[in-house]
Amino acid sequence: MAELTGKQRRYLRGLGQRLAAILHVGVEGVSDAVVRQCDAQLEAHELIKVTRNGRAAAVLLNVDEYERLKATIDVLSDPELMRQIRASEKHYARGAKGLSFEDVFGEPLTMPKRRGRR
């Protein structure tokens, strides 16, 4: 897996700035109960903001969310792919038609169920 660039790290850090505290770790450190609660919060929210002395220090991401964000960053940083996307947007903005998902893949599009978010 490629190393994240500074721009990508800043983007991911920015995602965590809007999160409210949902898990607290005291001076005793991380117990089994904290690990279980962390797992549950990652499943429910996909992101956990880690603070140190009340200031944001890091963000923990659900692995699936990390992979989605990385794929998005890869698309946004590919000039040729972005050129194709802009050309497609112009194509459809002119009222042109395209192929349906079913035409291309031979099966109907089914949307995955979204997790609840705060």
PDB file of N, CA and C in Angstrom:
ATOM      1  N   MET A   1       0.846  -1.171   0.000  1.00  0.00           N
ATOM      2  CA  MET A   1       0.000   0.000   0.000  1.00  0.00           C
ATOM      3  C   MET A   1       0.891   1.234   0.000  1.00  0.00           C
ATOM      4  N   ALA A   2       0.553   2.221  -0.806  1.00  0.00           N
ATOM      5  CA  ALA A   2       1.354   3.427  -0.926  1.00  0.00           C
ATOM      6  C   ALA A   2       1.255   4.270   0.339  1.00  0.00           C
ATOM      7  N   GLU A   3       2.323   4.991   0.629  1.00  0.00           N
ATOM      8  CA  GLU A   3       2.363   5.905   1.767  1.00  0.00           C
ATOM      9  C   GLU A   3       1.465   7.106   1.486  1.00  0.00           C
ATOM     10  N   LEU A   4       0.731   7.586   2.501  1.00  0.00           N
ATOM     11  CA  LEU A   4      -0.118   8.764   2.329  1.00  0.00           C
ATOM     12  C   LEU A   4       0.746  10.009   2.167  1.00  0.00           C
ATOM     13  N   THR A   5       0.302  10.922   1.315  1.00  0.00           N
ATOM     14  CA  THR A   5       0.993  12.197   1.160  1.00  0.00           C
ATOM     15  C   THR A   5       0.580  13.123   2.297  1.00  0.00           C
ATOM     16  N   GLY A   6       1.277  14.230   2.442  1.00  0.00           N
ATOM     17  CA  GLY A   6       0.918  15.213   3.459  1.00  0.00           C
ATOM     18  C   GLY A   6      -0.491  15.750   3.259  1.00  0.00           C
ATOM     19  N   LYS A   7      -0.856  15.989   2.005  1.00  0.00           N
ATOM     20  CA  LYS A   7      -2.195  16.487   1.685  1.00  0.00           C
ATOM     21  C   LYS A   7      -3.260  15.471   2.106  1.00  0.00           C
ATOM     22  N   GLN A   8      -2.997  14.185   1.850  1.00  0.00           N
ATOM     23  CA  GLN A   8      -3.943  13.137   2.222  1.00  0.00           C
ATOM     24  C   GLN A   8      -4.069  13.040   3.736  1.00  0.00           C
ATOM     25  N   ARG A   9      -2.936  13.135   4.448  1.00  0.00           N
ATOM     26  CA  ARG A   9      -2.982  13.087   5.913  1.00  0.00           C
ATOM     27  C   ARG A   9      -3.771  14.265   6.474  1.00  0.00           C
ATOM     28  N   ARG A  10      -3.576  15.479   5.916  1.00  0.00           N
ATOM     29  CA  ARG A  10      -4.314  16.660   6.382  1.00  0.00           C
ATOM     30  C   ARG A  10      -5.811  16.478   6.149  1.00  0.00           C
ATOM     31  N   TYR A  11      -6.176  15.910   4.998  1.00  0.00           N
ATOM     32  CA  TYR A  11      -7.586  15.662   4.702  1.00  0.00           C
ATOM     33  C   TYR A  11      -8.192  14.722   5.749  1.00  0.00           C
ATOM     34  N   LEU A  12      -7.506  13.621   6.019  1.00  0.00           N
ATOM     35  CA  LEU A  12      -8.023  12.657   6.997  1.00  0.00           C
ATOM     36  C   LEU A  12      -8.072  13.270   8.387  1.00  0.00           C
ATOM     37  N   ARG A  13      -7.069  14.059   8.756  1.00  0.00           N
ATOM     38  CA  ARG A  13      -7.064  14.725  10.042  1.00  0.00           C
ATOM     39  C   ARG A  13      -8.270  15.659  10.163  1.00  0.00           C
ATOM     40  N   GLY A  14      -8.590  16.348   9.064  1.00  0.00           N
ATOM     41  CA  GLY A  14      -9.715  17.267   9.061  1.00  0.00           C
ATOM     42  C   GLY A  14     -11.040  16.576   9.292  1.00  0.00           C
ATOM     43  N   LEU A  15     -11.160  15.341   8.840  1.00  0.00           N
ATOM     44  CA  LEU A  15     -12.401  14.598   9.067  1.00  0.00           C
ATOM     45  C   LEU A  15     -12.680  14.431  10.552  1.00  0.00           C
ATOM     46  N   GLY A  16     -11.638  14.237  11.322  1.00  0.00           N
ATOM     47  CA  GLY A  16     -11.803  14.007  12.746  1.00  0.00           C
ATOM     48  C   GLY A  16     -12.134  15.250  13.542  1.00  0.00           C
ATOM     49  N   GLN A  17     -11.911  16.424  12.982  1.00  0.00           N
ATOM     50  CA  GLN A  17     -12.138  17.648  13.733  1.00  0.00           C
ATOM     51  C   GLN A  17     -13.604  17.877  14.062  1.00  0.00           C
ATOM     52  N   ARG A  18     -14.516  17.265  13.317  1.00  0.00           N
ATOM     53  CA  ARG A  18     -15.942  17.476  13.549  1.00  0.00           C
ATOM     54  C   ARG A  18     -16.542  16.430  14.499  1.00  0.00           C
ATOM     55  N   LEU A  19     -15.743  15.524  15.000  1.00  0.00           N
ATOM     56  CA  LEU A  19     -16.268  14.445  15.830  1.00  0.00           C
ATOM     57  C   LEU A  19     -16.336  14.854  17.297  1.00  0.00           C
ATOM     58  N   ALA A  20     -17.389  14.419  17.972  1.00  0.00           N
ATOM     59  CA  ALA A  20     -17.503  14.629  19.418  1.00  0.00           C
ATOM     60  C   ALA A  20     -16.887  13.424  20.130  1.00  0.00           C
ATOM     61  N   ALA A  21     -16.442  13.619  21.364  1.00  0.00           N
ATOM     62  CA  ALA A  21     -15.856  12.531  22.135  1.00  0.00           C
ATOM     63  C   ALA A  21     -16.898  11.443  22.384  1.00  0.00           C
ATOM     64  N   ILE A  22     -16.518  10.176  22.104  1.00  0.00           N
ATOM     65  CA  ILE A  22     -17.449   9.068  22.324  1.00  0.00           C
ATOM     66  C   ILE A  22     -16.816   7.961  23.148  1.00  0.00           C
ATOM     67  N   LEU A  23     -15.529   8.083  23.429  1.00  0.00           N
ATOM     68  CA  LEU A  23     -14.804   7.054  24.160  1.00  0.00           C
ATOM     69  C   LEU A  23     -13.724   7.742  24.976  1.00  0.00           C
ATOM     70  N   HIS A  24     -13.666   7.434  26.254  1.00  0.00           N
ATOM     71  CA  HIS A  24     -12.672   8.072  27.118  1.00  0.00           C
ATOM     72  C   HIS A  24     -11.763   7.012  27.723  1.00  0.00           C
ATOM     73  N   VAL A  25     -10.461   7.279  27.711  1.00  0.00           N
ATOM     74  CA  VAL A  25      -9.478   6.395  28.326  1.00  0.00           C
ATOM     75  C   VAL A  25      -8.834   7.175  29.453  1.00  0.00           C
ATOM     76  N   GLY A  26      -8.905   6.619  30.657  1.00  0.00           N
ATOM     77  CA  GLY A  26      -8.339   7.292  31.821  1.00  0.00           C
ATOM     78  C   GLY A  26      -6.872   6.981  32.008  1.00  0.00           C
ATOM     79  N   VAL A  27      -6.340   7.418  33.137  1.00  0.00           N
ATOM     80  CA  VAL A  27      -4.919   7.239  33.429  1.00  0.00           C
ATOM     81  C   VAL A  27      -4.545   5.767  33.593  1.00  0.00           C
ATOM     82  N   GLU A  28      -5.521   4.905  33.836  1.00  0.00           N
ATOM     83  CA  GLU A  28      -5.257   3.477  33.974  1.00  0.00           C
ATOM     84  C   GLU A  28      -4.891   2.826  32.652  1.00  0.00           C
ATOM     85  N   GLY A  29      -5.185   3.512  31.539  1.00  0.00           N
ATOM     86  CA  GLY A  29      -4.826   2.974  30.234  1.00  0.00           C
ATOM     87  C   GLY A  29      -5.965   2.205  29.591  1.00  0.00           C
ATOM     88  N   VAL A  30      -5.601   1.352  28.648  1.00  0.00           N
ATOM     89  CA  VAL A  30      -6.568   0.633  27.831  1.00  0.00           C
ATOM     90  C   VAL A  30      -6.859  -0.735  28.442  1.00  0.00           C
ATOM     91  N   SER A  31      -8.114  -0.955  28.788  1.00  0.00           N
ATOM     92  CA  SER A  31      -8.546  -2.242  29.333  1.00  0.00           C
ATOM     93  C   SER A  31      -9.267  -3.016  28.237  1.00  0.00           C
ATOM     94  N   ASP A  32      -9.613  -4.261  28.516  1.00  0.00           N
ATOM     95  CA  ASP A  32     -10.395  -5.056  27.569  1.00  0.00           C
ATOM     96  C   ASP A  32     -11.734  -4.380  27.258  1.00  0.00           C
ATOM     97  N   ALA A  33     -12.333  -3.763  28.284  1.00  0.00           N
ATOM     98  CA  ALA A  33     -13.618  -3.080  28.083  1.00  0.00           C
ATOM     99  C   ALA A  33     -13.453  -1.900  27.130  1.00  0.00           C
ATOM    100  N   VAL A  34     -12.354  -1.175  27.242  1.00  0.00           N
ATOM    101  CA  VAL A  34     -12.106  -0.041  26.348  1.00  0.00           C
ATOM    102  C   VAL A  34     -11.911  -0.539  24.916  1.00  0.00           C
ATOM    103  N   VAL A  35     -11.199  -1.647  24.752  1.00  0.00           N
ATOM    104  CA  VAL A  35     -10.995  -2.218  23.418  1.00  0.00           C
ATOM    105  C   VAL A  35     -12.335  -2.615  22.810  1.00  0.00           C
ATOM    106  N   ARG A  36     -13.206  -3.267  23.585  1.00  0.00           N
ATOM    107  CA  ARG A  36     -14.528  -3.647  23.084  1.00  0.00           C
ATOM    108  C   ARG A  36     -15.350  -2.417  22.702  1.00  0.00           C
ATOM    109  N   GLN A  37     -15.305  -1.394  23.543  1.00  0.00           N
ATOM    110  CA  GLN A  37     -16.051  -0.166  23.253  1.00  0.00           C
ATOM    111  C   GLN A  37     -15.473   0.515  22.002  1.00  0.00           C
ATOM    112  N   CYS A  38     -14.173   0.501  21.853  1.00  0.00           N
ATOM    113  CA  CYS A  38     -13.529   1.069  20.668  1.00  0.00           C
ATOM    114  C   CYS A  38     -13.990   0.337  19.413  1.00  0.00           C
ATOM    115  N   ASP A  39     -14.000  -0.981  19.458  1.00  0.00           N
ATOM    116  CA  ASP A  39     -14.476  -1.774  18.314  1.00  0.00           C
ATOM    117  C   ASP A  39     -15.917  -1.416  17.966  1.00  0.00           C
ATOM    118  N   ALA A  40     -16.767  -1.304  18.984  1.00  0.00           N
ATOM    119  CA  ALA A  40     -18.174  -0.975  18.752  1.00  0.00           C
ATOM    120  C   ALA A  40     -18.320   0.423  18.156  1.00  0.00           C
ATOM    121  N   GLN A  41     -17.535   1.373  18.646  1.00  0.00           N
ATOM    122  CA  GLN A  41     -17.623   2.738  18.126  1.00  0.00           C
ATOM    123  C   GLN A  41     -17.107   2.824  16.696  1.00  0.00           C
ATOM    124  N   LEU A  42     -16.041   2.092  16.381  1.00  0.00           N
ATOM    125  CA  LEU A  42     -15.543   2.073  15.004  1.00  0.00           C
ATOM    126  C   LEU A  42     -16.582   1.480  14.066  1.00  0.00           C
ATOM    127  N   GLU A  43     -17.264   0.445  14.521  1.00  0.00           N
ATOM    128  CA  GLU A  43     -18.309  -0.170  13.699  1.00  0.00           C
ATOM    129  C   GLU A  43     -19.460   0.805  13.470  1.00  0.00           C
ATOM    130  N   ALA A  44     -19.828   1.536  14.503  1.00  0.00           N
ATOM    131  CA  ALA A  44     -20.969   2.447  14.411  1.00  0.00           C
ATOM    132  C   ALA A  44     -20.637   3.758  13.701  1.00  0.00           C
ATOM    133  N   HIS A  45     -19.439   4.275  13.917  1.00  0.00           N
ATOM    134  CA  HIS A  45     -19.124   5.623  13.438  1.00  0.00           C
ATOM    135  C   HIS A  45     -18.007   5.673  12.407  1.00  0.00           C
ATOM    136  N   GLU A  46     -17.244   4.625  12.250  1.00  0.00           N
ATOM    137  CA  GLU A  46     -16.147   4.503  11.290  1.00  0.00           C
ATOM    138  C   GLU A  46     -14.931   5.347  11.636  1.00  0.00           C
ATOM    139  N   LEU A  47     -15.084   6.364  12.469  1.00  0.00           N
ATOM    140  CA  LEU A  47     -13.966   7.217  12.868  1.00  0.00           C
ATOM    141  C   LEU A  47     -13.995   7.436  14.369  1.00  0.00           C
ATOM    142  N   ILE A  48     -12.829   7.481  14.987  1.00  0.00           N
ATOM    143  CA  ILE A  48     -12.722   7.867  16.390  1.00  0.00           C
ATOM    144  C   ILE A  48     -11.629   8.921  16.473  1.00  0.00           C
ATOM    145  N   LYS A  49     -11.969  10.069  17.037  1.00  0.00           N
ATOM    146  CA  LYS A  49     -10.985  11.117  17.234  1.00  0.00           C
ATOM    147  C   LYS A  49     -10.284  10.876  18.569  1.00  0.00           C
ATOM    148  N   VAL A  50      -8.969  10.873  18.551  1.00  0.00           N
ATOM    149  CA  VAL A  50      -8.161  10.690  19.751  1.00  0.00           C
ATOM    150  C   VAL A  50      -7.654  12.062  20.186  1.00  0.00           C
ATOM    151  N   THR A  51      -7.893  12.399  21.438  1.00  0.00           N
ATOM    152  CA  THR A  51      -7.409  13.684  21.943  1.00  0.00           C
ATOM    153  C   THR A  51      -6.391  13.454  23.053  1.00  0.00           C
ATOM    154  N   ARG A  52      -5.536  14.422  23.205  1.00  0.00           N
ATOM    155  CA  ARG A  52      -4.558  14.412  24.288  1.00  0.00           C
ATOM    156  C   ARG A  52      -4.664  15.768  24.962  1.00  0.00           C
ATOM    157  N   ASN A  53      -4.992  15.769  26.243  1.00  0.00           N
ATOM    158  CA  ASN A  53      -5.176  17.007  26.997  1.00  0.00           C
ATOM    159  C   ASN A  53      -6.201  17.924  26.328  1.00  0.00           C
ATOM    160  N   GLY A  54      -7.270  17.324  25.795  1.00  0.00           N
ATOM    161  CA  GLY A  54      -8.354  18.089  25.206  1.00  0.00           C
ATOM    162  C   GLY A  54      -8.123  18.564  23.784  1.00  0.00           C
ATOM    163  N   ARG A  55      -6.982  18.230  23.208  1.00  0.00           N
ATOM    164  CA  ARG A  55      -6.677  18.657  21.841  1.00  0.00           C
ATOM    165  C   ARG A  55      -6.601  17.441  20.925  1.00  0.00           C
ATOM    166  N   ALA A  56      -7.124  17.583  19.711  1.00  0.00           N
ATOM    167  CA  ALA A  56      -7.087  16.478  18.745  1.00  0.00           C
ATOM    168  C   ALA A  56      -5.649  16.059  18.485  1.00  0.00           C
ATOM    169  N   ALA A  57      -5.387  14.746  18.581  1.00  0.00           N
ATOM    170  CA  ALA A  57      -4.039  14.229  18.366  1.00  0.00           C
ATOM    171  C   ALA A  57      -3.986  13.226  17.215  1.00  0.00           C
ATOM    172  N   ALA A  58      -5.078  12.498  16.975  1.00  0.00           N
ATOM    173  CA  ALA A  58      -5.084  11.473  15.927  1.00  0.00           C
ATOM    174  C   ALA A  58      -6.519  11.067  15.625  1.00  0.00           C
ATOM    175  N   VAL A  59      -6.679  10.307  14.552  1.00  0.00           N
ATOM    176  CA  VAL A  59      -7.983   9.755  14.193  1.00  0.00           C
ATOM    177  C   VAL A  59      -7.807   8.277  13.904  1.00  0.00           C
ATOM    178  N   LEU A  60      -8.649   7.443  14.520  1.00  0.00           N
ATOM    179  CA  LEU A  60      -8.688   6.015  14.214  1.00  0.00           C
ATOM    180  C   LEU A  60      -9.795   5.807  13.200  1.00  0.00           C
ATOM    181  N   LEU A  61      -9.490   5.074  12.153  1.00  0.00           N
ATOM    182  CA  LEU A  61     -10.466   4.816  11.102  1.00  0.00           C
ATOM    183  C   LEU A  61     -10.798   3.341  11.034  1.00  0.00           C
ATOM    184  N   ASN A  62     -12.058   3.043  10.785  1.00  0.00           N
ATOM    185  CA  ASN A  62     -12.462   1.702  10.412  1.00  0.00           C
ATOM    186  C   ASN A  62     -11.691   1.376   9.125  1.00  0.00           C
ATOM    187  N   VAL A  63     -11.171   0.165   8.995  1.00  0.00           N
ATOM    188  CA  VAL A  63     -10.351  -0.198   7.838  1.00  0.00           C
ATOM    189  C   VAL A  63     -11.111  -0.007   6.529  1.00  0.00           C
ATOM    190  N   ASP A  64     -12.394  -0.367   6.499  1.00  0.00           N
ATOM    191  CA  ASP A  64     -13.183  -0.185   5.278  1.00  0.00           C
ATOM    192  C   ASP A  64     -13.280   1.292   4.905  1.00  0.00           C
ATOM    193  N   GLU A  65     -13.492   2.149   5.906  1.00  0.00           N
ATOM    194  CA  GLU A  65     -13.578   3.588   5.643  1.00  0.00           C
ATOM    195  C   GLU A  65     -12.237   4.115   5.148  1.00  0.00           C
ATOM    196  N   TYR A  66     -11.143   3.652   5.744  1.00  0.00           N
ATOM    197  CA  TYR A  66      -9.806   4.056   5.291  1.00  0.00           C
ATOM    198  C   TYR A  66      -9.614   3.693   3.820  1.00  0.00           C
ATOM    199  N   GLU A  67      -9.991   2.479   3.444  1.00  0.00           N
ATOM    200  CA  GLU A  67      -9.832   2.045   2.056  1.00  0.00           C
ATOM    201  C   GLU A  67     -10.691   2.887   1.111  1.00  0.00           C
ATOM    202  N   ARG A  68     -11.929   3.232   1.540  1.00  0.00           N
ATOM    203  CA  ARG A  68     -12.789   4.087   0.710  1.00  0.00           C
ATOM    204  C   ARG A  68     -12.180   5.473   0.539  1.00  0.00           C
ATOM    205  N   LEU A  69     -11.678   6.040   1.635  1.00  0.00           N
ATOM    206  CA  LEU A  69     -11.063   7.361   1.559  1.00  0.00           C
ATOM    207  C   LEU A  69      -9.807   7.342   0.691  1.00  0.00           C
ATOM    208  N   LYS A  70      -9.012   6.307   0.830  1.00  0.00           N
ATOM    209  CA  LYS A  70      -7.801   6.179   0.026  1.00  0.00           C
ATOM    210  C   LYS A  70      -8.158   6.079  -1.455  1.00  0.00           C
ATOM    211  N   ALA A  71      -9.183   5.292  -1.790  1.00  0.00           N
ATOM    212  CA  ALA A  71      -9.618   5.162  -3.186  1.00  0.00           C
ATOM    213  C   ALA A  71     -10.116   6.504  -3.719  1.00  0.00           C
ATOM    214  N   THR A  72     -10.851   7.245  -2.893  1.00  0.00           N
ATOM    215  CA  THR A  72     -11.329   8.561  -3.307  1.00  0.00           C
ATOM    216  C   THR A  72     -10.168   9.502  -3.568  1.00  0.00           C
ATOM    217  N   ILE A  73      -9.197   9.506  -2.675  1.00  0.00           N
ATOM    218  CA  ILE A  73      -8.014  10.353  -2.855  1.00  0.00           C
ATOM    219  C   ILE A  73      -7.255   9.950  -4.116  1.00  0.00           C
ATOM    220  N   ASP A  74      -7.158   8.648  -4.372  1.00  0.00           N
ATOM    221  CA  ASP A  74      -6.482   8.176  -5.586  1.00  0.00           C
ATOM    222  C   ASP A  74      -7.180   8.697  -6.837  1.00  0.00           C
ATOM    223  N   VAL A  75      -8.517   8.650  -6.852  1.00  0.00           N
ATOM    224  CA  VAL A  75      -9.276   9.145  -8.005  1.00  0.00           C
ATOM    225  C   VAL A  75      -9.060  10.648  -8.161  1.00  0.00           C
ATOM    226  N   LEU A  76      -9.196  11.385  -7.065  1.00  0.00           N
ATOM    227  CA  LEU A  76      -9.071  12.845  -7.124  1.00  0.00           C
ATOM    228  C   LEU A  76      -7.670  13.300  -7.515  1.00  0.00           C
ATOM    229  N   SER A  77      -6.671  12.476  -7.274  1.00  0.00           N
ATOM    230  CA  SER A  77      -5.296  12.861  -7.590  1.00  0.00           C
ATOM    231  C   SER A  77      -4.837  12.351  -8.961  1.00  0.00           C
ATOM    232  N   ASP A  78      -5.705  11.681  -9.700  1.00  0.00           N
ATOM    233  CA  ASP A  78      -5.368  11.170 -11.033  1.00  0.00           C
ATOM    234  C   ASP A  78      -5.891  12.148 -12.094  1.00  0.00           C
ATOM    235  N   PRO A  79      -5.010  12.953 -12.706  1.00  0.00           N
ATOM    236  CA  PRO A  79      -5.474  13.966 -13.659  1.00  0.00           C
ATOM    237  C   PRO A  79      -6.252  13.381 -14.842  1.00  0.00           C
ATOM    238  N   GLU A  80      -5.833  12.251 -15.370  1.00  0.00           N
ATOM    239  CA  GLU A  80      -6.520  11.662 -16.515  1.00  0.00           C
ATOM    240  C   GLU A  80      -7.929  11.192 -16.125  1.00  0.00           C
ATOM    241  N   LEU A  81      -8.043  10.556 -14.989  1.00  0.00           N
ATOM    242  CA  LEU A  81      -9.353  10.102 -14.533  1.00  0.00           C
ATOM    243  C   LEU A  81     -10.272  11.290 -14.251  1.00  0.00           C
ATOM    244  N   MET A  82      -9.745  12.339 -13.648  1.00  0.00           N
ATOM    245  CA  MET A  82     -10.555  13.532 -13.390  1.00  0.00           C
ATOM    246  C   MET A  82     -10.980  14.194 -14.707  1.00  0.00           C
ATOM    247  N   ARG A  83     -10.118  14.158 -15.731  1.00  0.00           N
ATOM    248  CA  ARG A  83     -10.482  14.697 -17.041  1.00  0.00           C
ATOM    249  C   ARG A  83     -11.663  13.908 -17.604  1.00  0.00           C
ATOM    250  N   GLN A  84     -11.608  12.574 -17.478  1.00  0.00           N
ATOM    251  CA  GLN A  84     -12.700  11.729 -17.959  1.00  0.00           C
ATOM    252  C   GLN A  84     -14.001  12.008 -17.195  1.00  0.00           C
ATOM    253  N   ILE A  85     -13.896  12.205 -15.903  1.00  0.00           N
ATOM    254  CA  ILE A  85     -15.082  12.500 -15.088  1.00  0.00           C
ATOM    255  C   ILE A  85     -15.693  13.828 -15.512  1.00  0.00           C
ATOM    256  N   ARG A  86     -14.855  14.856 -15.698  1.00  0.00           N
ATOM    257  CA  ARG A  86     -15.366  16.163 -16.138  1.00  0.00           C
ATOM    258  C   ARG A  86     -16.013  16.059 -17.517  1.00  0.00           C
ATOM    259  N   ALA A  87     -15.408  15.290 -18.422  1.00  0.00           N
ATOM    260  CA  ALA A  87     -15.985  15.099 -19.759  1.00  0.00           C
ATOM    261  C   ALA A  87     -17.343  14.406 -19.653  1.00  0.00           C
ATOM    262  N   SER A  88     -17.467  13.424 -18.772  1.00  0.00           N
ATOM    263  CA  SER A  88     -18.748  12.733 -18.570  1.00  0.00           C
ATOM    264  C   SER A  88     -19.797  13.681 -18.000  1.00  0.00           C
ATOM    265  N   GLU A  89     -19.388  14.527 -17.054  1.00  0.00           N
ATOM    266  CA  GLU A  89     -20.331  15.489 -16.482  1.00  0.00           C
ATOM    267  C   GLU A  89     -20.862  16.420 -17.568  1.00  0.00           C
ATOM    268  N   LYS A  90     -19.985  16.887 -18.449  1.00  0.00           N
ATOM    269  CA  LYS A  90     -20.409  17.763 -19.547  1.00  0.00           C
ATOM    270  C   LYS A  90     -21.338  17.017 -20.502  1.00  0.00           C
ATOM    271  N   HIS A  91     -21.009  15.767 -20.777  1.00  0.00           N
ATOM    272  CA  HIS A  91     -21.823  14.925 -21.660  1.00  0.00           C
ATOM    273  C   HIS A  91     -23.260  14.841 -21.149  1.00  0.00           C
ATOM    274  N   TYR A  92     -23.406  14.533 -19.868  1.00  0.00           N
ATOM    275  CA  TYR A  92     -24.742  14.385 -19.289  1.00  0.00           C
ATOM    276  C   TYR A  92     -25.424  15.734 -19.066  1.00  0.00           C
ATOM    277  N   ALA A  93     -24.638  16.775 -18.827  1.00  0.00           N
ATOM    278  CA  ALA A  93     -25.216  18.110 -18.654  1.00  0.00           C
ATOM    279  C   ALA A  93     -25.882  18.588 -19.945  1.00  0.00           C
ATOM    280  N   ARG A  94     -25.379  18.107 -21.084  1.00  0.00           N
ATOM    281  CA  ARG A  94     -25.982  18.468 -22.377  1.00  0.00           C
ATOM    282  C   ARG A  94     -27.248  17.650 -22.646  1.00  0.00           C
ATOM    283  N   GLY A  95     -27.622  16.777 -21.743  1.00  0.00           N
ATOM    284  CA  GLY A  95     -28.822  15.967 -21.914  1.00  0.00           C
ATOM    285  C   GLY A  95     -28.575  14.649 -22.620  1.00  0.00           C
ATOM    286  N   ALA A  96     -27.328  14.311 -22.853  1.00  0.00           N
ATOM    287  CA  ALA A  96     -27.007  13.047 -23.526  1.00  0.00           C
ATOM    288  C   ALA A  96     -27.342  11.874 -22.607  1.00  0.00           C
ATOM    289  N   LYS A  97     -27.587  10.753 -23.204  1.00  0.00           N
ATOM    290  CA  LYS A  97     -27.919   9.538 -22.455  1.00  0.00           C
ATOM    291  C   LYS A  97     -26.704   8.617 -22.409  1.00  0.00           C
ATOM    292  N   GLY A  98     -26.696   7.759 -21.423  1.00  0.00           N
ATOM    293  CA  GLY A  98     -25.640   6.766 -21.291  1.00  0.00           C
ATOM    294  C   GLY A  98     -26.255   5.399 -21.063  1.00  0.00           C
ATOM    295  N   LEU A  99     -25.406   4.448 -20.764  1.00  0.00           N
ATOM    296  CA  LEU A  99     -25.870   3.098 -20.480  1.00  0.00           C
ATOM    297  C   LEU A  99     -26.224   2.973 -19.008  1.00  0.00           C
ATOM    298  N   SER A 100     -27.230   2.168 -18.707  1.00  0.00           N
ATOM    299  CA  SER A 100     -27.583   1.925 -17.319  1.00  0.00           C
ATOM    300  C   SER A 100     -26.606   0.907 -16.717  1.00  0.00           C
ATOM    301  N   PHE A 101     -26.599   0.837 -15.419  1.00  0.00           N
ATOM    302  CA  PHE A 101     -25.784  -0.142 -14.713  1.00  0.00           C
ATOM    303  C   PHE A 101     -26.116  -1.547 -15.217  1.00  0.00           C
ATOM    304  N   GLU A 102     -27.415  -1.799 -15.340  1.00  0.00           N
ATOM    305  CA  GLU A 102     -27.865  -3.121 -15.786  1.00  0.00           C
ATOM    306  C   GLU A 102     -27.397  -3.422 -17.216  1.00  0.00           C
ATOM    307  N   ASP A 103     -27.410  -2.398 -18.094  1.00  0.00           N
ATOM    308  CA  ASP A 103     -26.907  -2.589 -19.461  1.00  0.00           C
ATOM    309  C   ASP A 103     -25.431  -2.976 -19.460  1.00  0.00           C
ATOM    310  N   VAL A 104     -24.668  -2.344 -18.602  1.00  0.00           N
ATOM    311  CA  VAL A 104     -23.219  -2.576 -18.574  1.00  0.00           C
ATOM    312  C   VAL A 104     -22.875  -3.887 -17.886  1.00  0.00           C
ATOM    313  N   PHE A 105     -23.494  -4.156 -16.733  1.00  0.00           N
ATOM    314  CA  PHE A 105     -23.096  -5.294 -15.906  1.00  0.00           C
ATOM    315  C   PHE A 105     -24.047  -6.479 -15.971  1.00  0.00           C
ATOM    316  N   GLY A 106     -25.198  -6.320 -16.612  1.00  0.00           N
ATOM    317  CA  GLY A 106     -26.123  -7.429 -16.765  1.00  0.00           C
ATOM    318  C   GLY A 106     -26.881  -7.801 -15.509  1.00  0.00           C
ATOM    319  N   GLU A 107     -26.903  -6.892 -14.534  1.00  0.00           N
ATOM    320  CA  GLU A 107     -27.662  -7.136 -13.299  1.00  0.00           C
ATOM    321  C   GLU A 107     -28.109  -5.792 -12.746  1.00  0.00           C
ATOM    322  N   PRO A 108     -29.201  -5.781 -11.974  1.00  0.00           N
ATOM    323  CA  PRO A 108     -29.679  -4.504 -11.435  1.00  0.00           C
ATOM    324  C   PRO A 108     -28.740  -3.972 -10.351  1.00  0.00           C
ATOM    325  N   LEU A 109     -28.710  -2.663 -10.219  1.00  0.00           N
ATOM    326  CA  LEU A 109     -27.907  -2.008  -9.196  1.00  0.00           C
ATOM    327  C   LEU A 109     -28.613  -2.134  -7.854  1.00  0.00           C
ATOM    328  N   THR A 110     -27.929  -2.641  -6.864  1.00  0.00           N
ATOM    329  CA  THR A 110     -28.460  -2.695  -5.506  1.00  0.00           C
ATOM    330  C   THR A 110     -27.531  -1.896  -4.622  1.00  0.00           C
ATOM    331  N   MET A 111     -28.100  -0.985  -3.871  1.00  0.00           N
ATOM    332  CA  MET A 111     -27.307  -0.118  -3.013  1.00  0.00           C
ATOM    333  C   MET A 111     -27.066  -0.801  -1.672  1.00  0.00           C
ATOM    334  N   PRO A 112     -25.835  -0.711  -1.146  1.00  0.00           N
ATOM    335  CA  PRO A 112     -25.564  -1.306   0.176  1.00  0.00           C
ATOM    336  C   PRO A 112     -26.269  -0.507   1.265  1.00  0.00           C
ATOM    337  N   LYS A 113     -26.599  -1.176   2.341  1.00  0.00           N
ATOM    338  CA  LYS A 113     -27.228  -0.496   3.469  1.00  0.00           C
ATOM    339  C   LYS A 113     -26.184   0.370   4.144  1.00  0.00           C
ATOM    340  N   ARG A 114     -26.575   1.588   4.461  1.00  0.00           N
ATOM    341  CA  ARG A 114     -25.653   2.525   5.113  1.00  0.00           C
ATOM    342  C   ARG A 114     -25.747   2.364   6.613  1.00  0.00           C
ATOM    343  N   ARG A 115     -24.615   2.551   7.255  1.00  0.00           N
ATOM    344  CA  ARG A 115     -24.601   2.513   8.719  1.00  0.00           C
ATOM    345  C   ARG A 115     -25.103   3.826   9.266  1.00  0.00           C
ATOM    346  N   GLY A 116     -25.659   3.776  10.447  1.00  0.00           N
ATOM    347  CA  GLY A 116     -26.111   5.005  11.087  1.00  0.00           C
ATOM    348  C   GLY A 116     -24.932   5.891  11.441  1.00  0.00           C
ATOM    349  N   ARG A 117     -25.122   7.177  11.319  1.00  0.00           N
ATOM    350  CA  ARG A 117     -24.082   8.140  11.662  1.00  0.00           C
ATOM    351  C   ARG A 117     -24.672   9.204  12.555  1.00  0.00           C
ATOM    352  N   ARG A 118     -23.826   9.775  13.373  1.00  0.00           N
ATOM    353  CA  ARG A 118     -24.253  10.868  14.238  1.00  0.00           C
ATOM    354  C   ARG A 118     -24.169  12.170  13.538  1.00  0.00           C
TER     355      ARG A 118
END
